[in-house]
Amino acid sequence: MGLEQLYSYYISSDETFGVIFWDLRLPRLIAAALIGASLSISGVVFQAMFQNPLVLARFRCS
C-alpha cells in the first residue's frame, strides 16, 4: 500500500476515522504526553530538592 492510498483512505469522507482519531486517540495521546512530561519534571524537582545520594550516577549498574 502506497502513501497516496493511505492518505486517500484516511482523508476520505468516512467519518469513522475522524471520530476515532480526532475525538478518541489524539486527546489521549496529548494527555499521555503531558502526564509523562509532568511526572519527569516532578522527579527532577524532587531529586534537586532532596538530593538523594542513592540516585546519583555513580551508583548505577552498568
N, C-alpha and C. Protein backbone atom coordinates (compact mmCIF):
# COMPACT_ATOMS: atom_id res chain seq x y z
N MET A 1 0.85 -1.17 0.00
CA MET A 1 0.00 0.00 0.00
C MET A 1 0.89 1.24 0.00
N GLY A 2 0.66 2.12 -0.94
CA GLY A 2 1.47 3.31 -1.06
C GLY A 2 0.97 4.43 -0.16
N LEU A 3 1.76 5.48 -0.08
CA LEU A 3 1.39 6.63 0.75
C LEU A 3 0.14 7.33 0.23
N GLU A 4 0.01 7.39 -1.10
CA GLU A 4 -1.17 8.03 -1.67
C GLU A 4 -2.45 7.28 -1.32
N GLN A 5 -2.38 5.96 -1.32
CA GLN A 5 -3.55 5.16 -0.95
C GLN A 5 -3.89 5.36 0.53
N LEU A 6 -2.87 5.38 1.37
CA LEU A 6 -3.12 5.61 2.79
C LEU A 6 -3.72 6.99 3.03
N TYR A 7 -3.16 7.98 2.38
CA TYR A 7 -3.66 9.35 2.53
C TYR A 7 -5.10 9.46 2.07
N SER A 8 -5.41 8.88 0.92
CA SER A 8 -6.78 8.96 0.42
C SER A 8 -7.74 8.16 1.30
N TYR A 9 -7.26 7.08 1.90
CA TYR A 9 -8.11 6.29 2.80
C TYR A 9 -8.43 7.08 4.07
N TYR A 10 -7.43 7.72 4.64
CA TYR A 10 -7.63 8.43 5.91
C TYR A 10 -8.32 9.78 5.73
N ILE A 11 -8.24 10.37 4.57
CA ILE A 11 -8.85 11.67 4.34
C ILE A 11 -10.19 11.51 3.62
N SER A 12 -10.64 10.31 3.44
CA SER A 12 -11.91 10.09 2.74
C SER A 12 -13.07 10.67 3.54
N SER A 13 -14.24 10.62 2.97
CA SER A 13 -15.41 11.20 3.62
C SER A 13 -15.95 10.34 4.76
N ASP A 14 -15.32 9.20 4.98
CA ASP A 14 -15.74 8.31 6.06
C ASP A 14 -15.46 8.98 7.40
N GLU A 15 -16.50 9.17 8.18
CA GLU A 15 -16.34 9.87 9.45
C GLU A 15 -15.86 8.97 10.57
N THR A 16 -15.82 7.67 10.34
CA THR A 16 -15.35 6.76 11.38
C THR A 16 -13.92 7.06 11.76
N PHE A 17 -13.06 7.25 10.77
CA PHE A 17 -11.67 7.56 11.08
C PHE A 17 -11.56 8.89 11.82
N GLY A 18 -12.31 9.89 11.39
CA GLY A 18 -12.26 11.19 12.05
C GLY A 18 -12.67 11.11 13.50
N VAL A 19 -13.69 10.35 13.78
CA VAL A 19 -14.15 10.21 15.17
C VAL A 19 -13.11 9.46 15.99
N ILE A 20 -12.60 8.37 15.43
CA ILE A 20 -11.64 7.57 16.17
C ILE A 20 -10.36 8.36 16.41
N PHE A 21 -9.84 9.01 15.39
CA PHE A 21 -8.56 9.70 15.52
C PHE A 21 -8.68 11.01 16.28
N TRP A 22 -9.52 11.91 15.81
CA TRP A 22 -9.59 13.26 16.38
C TRP A 22 -10.30 13.32 17.72
N ASP A 23 -11.29 12.46 17.94
CA ASP A 23 -12.07 12.53 19.17
C ASP A 23 -11.61 11.56 20.25
N LEU A 24 -10.94 10.49 19.87
CA LEU A 24 -10.52 9.49 20.86
C LEU A 24 -9.01 9.40 21.01
N ARG A 25 -8.32 9.14 19.93
CA ARG A 25 -6.89 8.85 20.01
C ARG A 25 -6.04 10.09 20.29
N LEU A 26 -6.27 11.15 19.56
CA LEU A 26 -5.43 12.34 19.70
C LEU A 26 -5.52 12.97 21.09
N PRO A 27 -6.70 13.13 21.68
CA PRO A 27 -6.73 13.67 23.04
C PRO A 27 -6.02 12.78 24.06
N ARG A 28 -6.13 11.47 23.89
CA ARG A 28 -5.43 10.54 24.78
C ARG A 28 -3.93 10.62 24.60
N LEU A 29 -3.48 10.78 23.37
CA LEU A 29 -2.06 10.92 23.09
C LEU A 29 -1.51 12.19 23.72
N ILE A 30 -2.22 13.27 23.57
CA ILE A 30 -1.77 14.55 24.15
C ILE A 30 -1.77 14.47 25.67
N ALA A 31 -2.81 13.87 26.25
CA ALA A 31 -2.87 13.73 27.70
C ALA A 31 -1.73 12.86 28.22
N ALA A 32 -1.43 11.77 27.54
CA ALA A 32 -0.34 10.89 27.96
C ALA A 32 1.00 11.61 27.89
N ALA A 33 1.22 12.39 26.83
CA ALA A 33 2.47 13.13 26.71
C ALA A 33 2.60 14.18 27.80
N LEU A 34 1.52 14.88 28.11
CA LEU A 34 1.57 15.90 29.16
C LEU A 34 1.77 15.27 30.54
N ILE A 35 1.11 14.15 30.80
CA ILE A 35 1.27 13.48 32.09
C ILE A 35 2.69 12.95 32.24
N GLY A 36 3.23 12.35 31.19
CA GLY A 36 4.61 11.86 31.24
C GLY A 36 5.62 12.97 31.45
N ALA A 37 5.42 14.09 30.77
CA ALA A 37 6.33 15.22 30.93
C ALA A 37 6.24 15.79 32.34
N SER A 38 5.02 15.89 32.88
CA SER A 38 4.88 16.43 34.24
C SER A 38 5.48 15.49 35.27
N LEU A 39 5.36 14.18 35.09
CA LEU A 39 5.99 13.24 36.01
C LEU A 39 7.51 13.33 35.96
N SER A 40 8.07 13.47 34.78
CA SER A 40 9.52 13.57 34.68
C SER A 40 10.03 14.88 35.29
N ILE A 41 9.30 15.95 35.09
CA ILE A 41 9.69 17.24 35.68
C ILE A 41 9.59 17.17 37.20
N SER A 42 8.53 16.56 37.71
CA SER A 42 8.40 16.45 39.17
C SER A 42 9.50 15.57 39.75
N GLY A 43 9.92 14.54 39.05
CA GLY A 43 11.04 13.71 39.51
C GLY A 43 12.33 14.50 39.58
N VAL A 44 12.57 15.33 38.60
CA VAL A 44 13.78 16.16 38.60
C VAL A 44 13.73 17.17 39.75
N VAL A 45 12.56 17.75 39.98
CA VAL A 45 12.42 18.73 41.05
C VAL A 45 12.63 18.07 42.42
N PHE A 46 12.04 16.91 42.62
CA PHE A 46 12.22 16.22 43.90
C PHE A 46 13.67 15.80 44.10
N GLN A 47 14.32 15.34 43.04
CA GLN A 47 15.73 14.96 43.16
C GLN A 47 16.58 16.18 43.50
N ALA A 48 16.28 17.31 42.92
CA ALA A 48 17.04 18.53 43.21
C ALA A 48 16.77 19.01 44.64
N MET A 49 15.54 18.84 45.12
CA MET A 49 15.19 19.29 46.47
C MET A 49 15.82 18.40 47.54
N PHE A 50 15.70 17.09 47.40
CA PHE A 50 16.12 16.18 48.46
C PHE A 50 17.54 15.65 48.27
N GLN A 51 18.05 15.68 47.08
CA GLN A 51 19.39 15.22 46.74
C GLN A 51 19.69 13.85 47.35
N ASN A 52 18.90 12.90 46.95
CA ASN A 52 19.03 11.53 47.42
C ASN A 52 20.33 10.93 46.89
N PRO A 53 21.26 10.54 47.76
CA PRO A 53 22.55 10.01 47.28
C PRO A 53 22.42 8.64 46.60
N LEU A 54 21.34 7.91 46.83
CA LEU A 54 21.17 6.61 46.20
C LEU A 54 20.82 6.73 44.71
N VAL A 55 20.48 7.91 44.26
CA VAL A 55 20.09 8.11 42.86
C VAL A 55 21.23 8.72 42.05
N LEU A 56 22.35 8.94 42.65
CA LEU A 56 23.48 9.52 41.93
C LEU A 56 23.97 8.58 40.84
N ALA A 57 24.60 9.14 39.84
CA ALA A 57 25.06 8.36 38.68
C ALA A 57 26.13 7.35 39.05
N ARG A 58 26.89 7.59 40.09
CA ARG A 58 27.98 6.68 40.43
C ARG A 58 27.47 5.35 40.99
N PHE A 59 26.20 5.28 41.42
CA PHE A 59 25.65 4.07 41.97
C PHE A 59 24.89 3.25 40.93
N ARG A 60 24.82 3.71 39.69
CA ARG A 60 24.12 2.97 38.64
C ARG A 60 24.92 1.75 38.24
N CYS A 61 24.22 0.68 37.97
CA CYS A 61 24.88 -0.53 37.47
C CYS A 61 25.03 -0.39 35.96
N SER A 62 26.21 -0.67 35.46
CA SER A 62 26.43 -0.57 34.01
C SER A 62 26.65 -1.93 33.42
